[in-house]
Amino acid sequence: MSTLKDKVALVTGASRGIAAAIAKRLAADGADVVITYAKDAKAAEAIVKVIESRGRKAPAIRADAADFQGSPVGRGTNSKGAWEDRCAG
């Protein structure tokens, strides 16, 4: 049973470690998962591929949660547009 069907989760720092495991579990439970990463785009893309292989949507956004002022999200850019571009169709 997909307990998180039609839900979207945001997991910060999900390119590695515990956050990556959480992102994969949320996808396994039926959620689409937006992940953020600070530096390692290749690691983030690897997590995206795992999540997408489970039939879920998984955009990765470069955003350092520890540096709110330096983050594109912190400056108020349209991260929703990035989600819509990646998941359109």
Protein backbone atom coordinates (compact mmCIF):
# COMPACT_ATOMS: atom_id res chain seq x y z
CA MET A 1 0.00 0.00 0.00
CA SER A 2 1.31 3.46 -0.94
CA THR A 3 0.73 5.44 2.23
CA LEU A 4 2.19 8.63 0.73
CA LYS A 5 0.53 8.48 -2.69
CA ASP A 6 -0.06 11.98 -4.14
CA LYS A 7 2.21 13.57 -1.49
CA VAL A 8 5.43 15.52 -2.05
CA ALA A 9 8.29 15.50 0.44
CA LEU A 10 11.24 17.90 0.65
CA VAL A 11 14.42 16.39 2.05
CA THR A 12 17.40 18.68 2.59
CA GLY A 13 20.91 17.32 2.25
CA ALA A 14 19.60 14.19 0.56
CA SER A 15 22.62 13.50 -1.62
CA ARG A 16 24.16 11.34 1.12
CA GLY A 17 23.82 9.76 4.52
CA ILE A 18 20.67 9.56 6.57
CA ALA A 19 18.85 12.12 4.43
CA ALA A 20 19.45 10.01 1.30
CA ALA A 21 18.03 6.97 3.07
CA ILE A 22 15.00 9.00 4.18
CA ALA A 23 14.42 10.27 0.63
CA LYS A 24 14.55 6.70 -0.74
CA ARG A 25 12.16 5.46 1.94
CA LEU A 26 9.66 8.26 1.27
CA ALA A 27 9.74 7.32 -2.42
CA ALA A 28 9.26 3.64 -1.56
CA ASP A 29 6.19 4.69 0.44
CA GLY A 30 4.76 6.47 -2.62
CA ALA A 31 5.84 10.12 -2.29
CA ASP A 32 7.48 12.24 -4.93
CA VAL A 33 10.63 13.63 -3.32
CA VAL A 34 12.34 16.96 -3.90
CA ILE A 35 15.93 16.74 -2.70
CA THR A 36 18.44 19.47 -2.02
CA TYR A 37 22.20 19.25 -2.04
CA ALA A 38 24.94 21.77 -1.30
CA LYS A 39 27.88 20.65 -3.45
CA ASP A 40 27.81 17.12 -4.84
CA ALA A 41 25.56 17.16 -7.90
CA LYS A 42 26.69 13.68 -8.98
CA ALA A 43 25.69 12.15 -5.64
CA ALA A 44 22.34 13.96 -5.79
CA GLU A 45 21.74 12.69 -9.32
CA ALA A 46 22.44 9.13 -8.15
CA ILE A 47 19.71 9.47 -5.52
CA VAL A 48 17.36 10.97 -8.12
CA LYS A 49 17.93 7.95 -10.37
CA VAL A 50 17.12 5.53 -7.54
CA ILE A 51 13.92 7.39 -6.73
CA GLU A 52 12.87 7.71 -10.37
CA SER A 53 13.53 3.99 -10.90
CA ARG A 54 10.73 3.45 -8.36
CA GLY A 55 8.34 5.44 -10.54
CA ARG A 56 8.45 8.60 -8.42
CA LYS A 57 9.38 12.16 -9.41
CA ALA A 58 12.57 13.51 -7.85
CA PRO A 59 14.00 16.88 -8.80
CA ALA A 60 17.29 17.88 -7.17
CA ILE A 61 17.85 21.51 -6.24
CA ARG A 62 21.23 22.96 -5.33
CA ALA A 63 20.61 24.84 -2.10
CA ASP A 64 22.75 24.99 1.03
CA ALA A 65 20.33 24.94 3.96
CA ALA A 66 23.15 26.02 6.28
CA ASP A 67 23.61 29.24 4.25
CA PHE A 68 20.10 30.63 3.97
CA GLN A 69 21.23 34.01 2.65
CA GLY A 70 23.46 32.41 0.00
CA SER A 71 20.83 29.92 -1.10
CA PRO A 72 18.82 30.49 -4.28
CA VAL A 73 15.75 29.46 -2.27
CA GLY A 74 16.68 31.98 0.44
CA ARG A 75 16.70 34.76 -2.14
CA GLY A 76 13.18 33.90 -3.16
CA THR A 77 13.77 32.49 -6.63
CA ASN A 78 11.03 30.45 -8.17
CA SER A 79 11.91 26.96 -6.98
CA LYS A 80 8.31 25.96 -7.74
CA GLY A 81 9.05 26.62 -11.41
CA ALA A 82 12.03 24.28 -11.23
CA TRP A 83 9.74 21.57 -9.82
CA GLU A 84 7.16 22.13 -12.55
CA ASP A 85 9.81 22.09 -15.30
CA ARG A 86 11.29 18.80 -14.06
CA CYS A 87 7.98 17.06 -13.44
CA ALA A 88 5.93 18.34 -16.38
CA GLY A 89 4.19 15.78 -18.45
